[in-house]
N, C-alpha and C. Protein backbone atom coordinates (compact mmCIF):
# COMPACT_ATOMS: atom_id res chain seq x y z
N MET A 1 87.27 98.00 112.31
CA MET A 1 86.93 99.16 112.86
C MET A 1 86.15 99.83 111.76
N SER A 2 84.71 100.67 111.83
CA SER A 2 84.12 100.87 110.69
C SER A 2 83.47 102.50 111.28
N THR A 3 84.23 103.04 110.18
CA THR A 3 83.36 104.66 110.37
C THR A 3 82.61 105.27 109.39
N THR A 4 81.68 105.85 109.72
CA THR A 4 81.00 106.66 108.74
C THR A 4 81.06 107.94 108.74
N ILE A 5 81.73 108.50 107.56
CA ILE A 5 82.21 110.12 107.64
C ILE A 5 81.00 110.94 106.97
N ARG A 6 80.70 111.70 107.03
CA ARG A 6 79.44 112.55 106.24
C ARG A 6 80.04 113.95 106.06
N LEU A 7 80.15 114.02 104.56
CA LEU A 7 80.57 115.00 103.76
C LEU A 7 79.75 115.98 103.09
N GLU A 8 79.68 117.09 103.19
CA GLU A 8 79.18 118.10 102.64
C GLU A 8 79.02 117.92 100.75
N GLU A 9 78.15 117.96 100.17
CA GLU A 9 78.26 117.99 98.65
C GLU A 9 79.07 118.80 98.19
N GLU A 10 79.31 119.82 98.41
CA GLU A 10 80.62 120.50 97.71
C GLU A 10 81.94 119.57 98.03
N LEU A 11 82.22 118.84 99.37
CA LEU A 11 83.07 118.45 99.33
C LEU A 11 83.48 117.60 99.26
N LYS A 12 82.32 116.48 99.04
CA LYS A 12 82.21 115.23 98.03
C LYS A 12 82.57 115.32 96.53
N VAL A 13 82.30 116.41 96.07
CA VAL A 13 82.63 116.61 94.25
C VAL A 13 84.15 116.90 94.25
N ARG A 14 84.60 118.18 95.33
CA ARG A 14 86.04 118.37 95.03
C ARG A 14 86.61 117.02 95.56
N LEU A 15 86.44 116.14 96.22
CA LEU A 15 87.03 114.78 96.84
C LEU A 15 87.30 113.79 95.67
N ALA A 16 86.04 113.85 94.74
CA ALA A 16 86.01 113.01 93.78
C ALA A 16 87.07 113.28 92.70
N ALA A 17 87.21 114.59 92.42
CA ALA A 17 87.87 115.07 91.61
C ALA A 17 89.37 115.10 91.69
N ALA A 18 89.62 115.51 93.35
CA ALA A 18 90.99 114.89 93.71
C ALA A 18 91.70 113.40 93.10
N ALA A 19 90.56 113.08 93.78
CA ALA A 19 90.90 111.15 93.48
C ALA A 19 91.18 111.08 92.57
N HIS A 20 90.08 111.23 91.29
CA HIS A 20 90.30 111.21 89.81
C HIS A 20 91.51 111.38 89.38
N ARG A 21 91.87 112.79 89.94
CA ARG A 21 93.24 113.18 89.38
C ARG A 21 94.50 112.36 89.88
N THR A 22 94.46 112.06 90.99
CA THR A 22 95.38 110.99 91.30
C THR A 22 95.55 109.19 91.25
N GLY A 23 94.41 109.31 90.46
CA GLY A 23 94.12 107.84 90.06
C GLY A 23 93.66 107.02 90.73
N LYS A 24 93.37 107.55 92.27
CA LYS A 24 92.84 106.71 93.35
C LYS A 24 91.19 106.95 93.44
N SER A 25 90.89 106.13 94.47
CA SER A 25 89.02 105.71 94.87
C SER A 25 88.84 106.94 95.62
N ALA A 26 87.72 107.50 96.14
CA ALA A 26 87.54 108.44 96.71
C ALA A 26 88.07 107.55 98.54
N HIS A 27 87.39 106.46 98.29
CA HIS A 27 88.09 105.63 99.63
C HIS A 27 89.59 105.84 99.90
N GLY A 28 90.63 105.47 98.77
CA GLY A 28 91.44 105.40 99.30
C GLY A 28 92.20 106.61 99.45
N PHE A 29 91.75 107.68 98.75
CA PHE A 29 92.14 108.93 99.02
C PHE A 29 91.99 109.65 100.22
N ILE A 30 90.97 109.34 100.80
CA ILE A 30 90.59 109.54 102.26
C ILE A 30 91.95 108.91 103.16
N LEU A 31 91.45 107.69 102.90
CA LEU A 31 92.32 106.84 103.92
C LEU A 31 94.14 107.50 103.63
N ASP A 32 94.43 107.86 102.42
CA ASP A 32 95.96 108.85 102.28
C ASP A 32 95.90 109.95 103.14
N ALA A 33 94.84 110.48 103.20
CA ALA A 33 94.37 111.77 103.70
C ALA A 33 94.90 111.71 105.62
N ILE A 34 94.19 110.90 105.78
CA ILE A 34 94.07 110.48 106.93
C ILE A 34 95.53 109.72 107.27
N ALA A 35 96.04 109.20 106.97
CA ALA A 35 97.37 108.67 107.30
C ALA A 35 98.30 109.74 107.01
N GLN A 36 98.11 110.39 106.41
CA GLN A 36 99.48 111.85 106.16
C GLN A 36 99.32 112.46 107.53
N THR A 37 97.79 112.88 107.85
CA THR A 37 97.62 113.64 108.79
C THR A 37 98.01 113.09 110.39
N VAL A 38 97.69 111.85 110.61
CA VAL A 38 97.93 111.27 111.54
C VAL A 38 99.55 111.05 111.87
N GLU A 39 100.41 110.74 110.77
CA GLU A 39 101.73 111.14 110.45
C GLU A 39 102.21 112.50 110.64
N GLN A 40 102.00 113.18 110.16
CA GLN A 40 102.20 114.79 110.94
C GLN A 40 101.76 114.96 112.21
N VAL A 41 100.66 114.47 112.78
CA VAL A 41 100.36 114.89 114.11
C VAL A 41 101.83 114.18 114.84
N GLU A 42 101.88 112.65 114.67
CA GLU A 42 103.09 112.28 115.35
C GLU A 42 104.44 112.75 115.32
N LEU A 43 104.60 113.11 114.18
CA LEU A 43 105.84 114.09 113.96
C LEU A 43 106.07 115.07 114.22
N ASP A 44 105.08 115.64 114.70
CA ASP A 44 104.63 117.08 115.52
C ASP A 44 105.17 117.17 117.06
N GLU A 45 104.55 115.47 117.51
CA GLU A 45 104.36 115.52 118.78
C GLU A 45 105.99 115.42 119.24
N GLU A 46 106.84 114.42 118.32
CA GLU A 46 107.85 114.03 118.49
C GLU A 46 109.08 115.18 118.33
N PHE A 47 108.49 116.37 117.48
CA PHE A 47 109.32 117.43 117.26
C PHE A 47 109.33 118.39 118.49
N HIS A 48 108.00 118.62 119.29
CA HIS A 48 107.93 119.12 120.48
C HIS A 48 108.53 118.69 121.64
N ARG A 49 108.61 117.25 121.35
CA ARG A 49 109.11 116.83 122.60
C ARG A 49 110.82 116.49 122.58
N LEU A 50 111.22 116.20 121.60
CA LEU A 50 112.81 116.80 121.67
C LEU A 50 112.82 118.09 121.79
N ALA A 51 112.00 119.09 121.23
CA ALA A 51 112.13 120.77 121.53
C ALA A 51 112.65 120.68 123.25
N ASP A 52 111.57 120.33 124.01
CA ASP A 52 111.44 120.18 125.27
C ASP A 52 112.59 119.68 126.08
N GLU A 53 112.84 118.41 125.56
CA GLU A 53 113.97 117.69 125.99
C GLU A 53 115.54 118.52 126.03
N ARG A 54 115.99 118.98 124.73
CA ARG A 54 116.79 120.03 124.82
C ARG A 54 116.65 121.25 125.45
N TRP A 55 115.38 122.09 125.59
CA TRP A 55 115.58 123.15 126.09
C TRP A 55 115.82 122.75 127.56
N ALA A 56 115.42 121.64 128.09
CA ALA A 56 115.58 121.33 129.74
C ALA A 56 116.81 121.23 129.87
N LYS A 57 117.68 120.85 128.70
CA LYS A 57 119.25 120.44 129.06
C LYS A 57 120.16 122.09 128.99
N VAL A 58 119.34 122.58 128.28
CA VAL A 58 119.84 124.40 128.28
C VAL A 58 120.01 124.98 129.62
N LEU A 59 118.61 124.69 130.01
CA LEU A 59 118.15 125.32 131.26
C LEU A 59 119.29 124.37 132.36
N ALA A 60 119.29 123.39 132.59
CA ALA A 60 119.93 122.57 133.30
C ALA A 60 121.28 122.84 133.55
N THR A 61 122.08 123.14 132.16
CA THR A 61 123.57 123.00 131.85
C THR A 61 124.04 124.39 132.08
N GLY A 62 122.63 125.41 131.22
CA GLY A 62 123.51 126.68 131.09
C GLY A 62 124.18 126.84 129.71
N LYS A 63 124.72 125.83 129.08
CA LYS A 63 125.26 125.56 127.73
C LYS A 63 124.53 125.50 126.44
N THR A 64 124.65 126.21 125.62
CA THR A 64 124.42 126.54 124.16
C THR A 64 125.51 126.87 123.37
N VAL A 65 125.10 127.05 121.40
CA VAL A 65 125.74 127.32 121.19
C VAL A 65 125.14 128.68 120.46
N PRO A 66 126.19 129.42 120.39
CA PRO A 66 125.27 131.11 119.61
C PRO A 66 124.73 130.98 118.66
N TRP A 67 123.71 131.79 118.17
CA TRP A 67 123.24 131.54 116.70
C TRP A 67 124.35 131.63 115.21
N GLU A 68 125.09 132.80 115.71
CA GLU A 68 126.22 132.66 114.47
C GLU A 68 127.31 131.81 114.52
N VAL A 69 127.47 130.99 115.38
CA VAL A 69 128.28 129.86 115.48
C VAL A 69 127.65 128.83 114.96
N ALA A 70 126.36 128.26 115.03
CA ALA A 70 125.82 127.50 114.73
C ALA A 70 125.15 127.87 113.29
N ARG A 71 124.89 128.96 112.90
CA ARG A 71 124.88 129.47 111.57
C ARG A 71 125.84 129.15 110.59
N GLY A 72 126.97 129.92 111.09
CA GLY A 72 128.29 129.64 110.09
C GLY A 72 128.62 128.10 110.18
N TYR A 73 128.38 127.01 111.13
CA TYR A 73 128.67 126.09 110.93
C TYR A 73 127.53 125.00 109.92
N LEU A 74 126.41 125.57 109.91
CA LEU A 74 125.44 124.94 109.19
C LEU A 74 125.42 125.36 107.81
N GLU A 75 126.15 126.71 107.69
CA GLU A 75 126.33 127.02 106.04
C GLU A 75 127.68 126.25 105.58
N ALA A 76 128.81 126.17 106.11
CA ALA A 76 130.03 125.52 105.65
C ALA A 76 129.23 123.97 105.19
N ARG A 77 128.83 123.09 106.19
CA ARG A 77 127.90 121.74 106.00
C ARG A 77 127.18 122.12 104.65
N ALA A 78 126.43 123.07 104.67
CA ALA A 78 125.84 122.91 103.13
C ALA A 78 126.58 123.42 102.06
N ARG A 79 127.44 123.87 102.24
CA ARG A 79 128.45 123.71 101.36
C ARG A 79 129.29 122.84 100.94
N GLY A 80 129.17 121.86 101.81
CA GLY A 80 129.75 120.39 101.69
C GLY A 80 131.31 120.52 102.12
N GLU A 81 131.60 121.63 102.90
CA GLU A 81 132.71 121.45 103.66
C GLU A 81 133.07 120.48 105.02
N LYS A 82 134.14 120.25 105.28
CA LYS A 82 133.71 119.62 106.39
C LYS A 82 134.17 120.11 107.59
N VAL A 83 133.43 120.59 108.51
CA VAL A 83 133.97 121.50 109.85
C VAL A 83 133.54 120.62 110.97
N ARG A 84 134.55 121.23 111.88
CA ARG A 84 133.88 120.50 113.60
C ARG A 84 132.95 121.04 114.09
N LYS A 85 132.34 120.05 114.42
CA LYS A 85 130.99 120.51 115.26
C LYS A 85 131.43 121.76 116.26
N PRO A 86 130.34 122.47 116.54
CA PRO A 86 130.60 123.60 117.64
C PRO A 86 130.59 123.13 118.77
N ALA A 87 131.20 123.81 119.91
CA ALA A 87 131.08 123.17 120.92
C ALA A 87 130.24 124.15 122.11
N ALA A 88 129.12 123.38 122.78
CA ALA A 88 128.09 124.37 123.49
C ALA A 88 129.18 125.01 124.59
N ARG A 89 128.37 126.06 125.21
CA ARG A 89 129.35 126.81 126.12
C ARG A 89 128.19 127.50 127.18
N LYS A 90 128.65 127.92 128.35
CA LYS A 90 127.82 128.78 128.96
C LYS A 90 127.26 129.77 128.53
N LEU A 91 126.05 130.38 128.55
CA LEU A 91 125.57 131.70 128.27
C LEU A 91 126.10 132.37 129.44
N SER A 92 126.35 133.71 128.15
CA SER A 92 126.50 135.04 128.85
C SER A 92 125.51 135.44 128.94
N ARG A 93 124.90 136.40 130.55
CA ARG A 93 124.00 137.02 130.46
C ARG A 93 124.41 138.44 131.03
């Protein structure tokens, strides 16, 4: 596949300088930038898919872990402590 990208002069100059600083050709720099952007879009889509799936589960079961409990668990894990994963429970309304 061949694609033409038209860049304004100012961006061409910036591109050439950035590529030079990284030791890449302008072409290689552009390819890396496109690959990073595509990967980020894919990661964002997966994040949103997983979030939607988990939210649907919360709505279906009514069960969740309160923030205070989750935070305590995460802080303990960050300190390297071995702690039991908190159990989800019905939301109180």
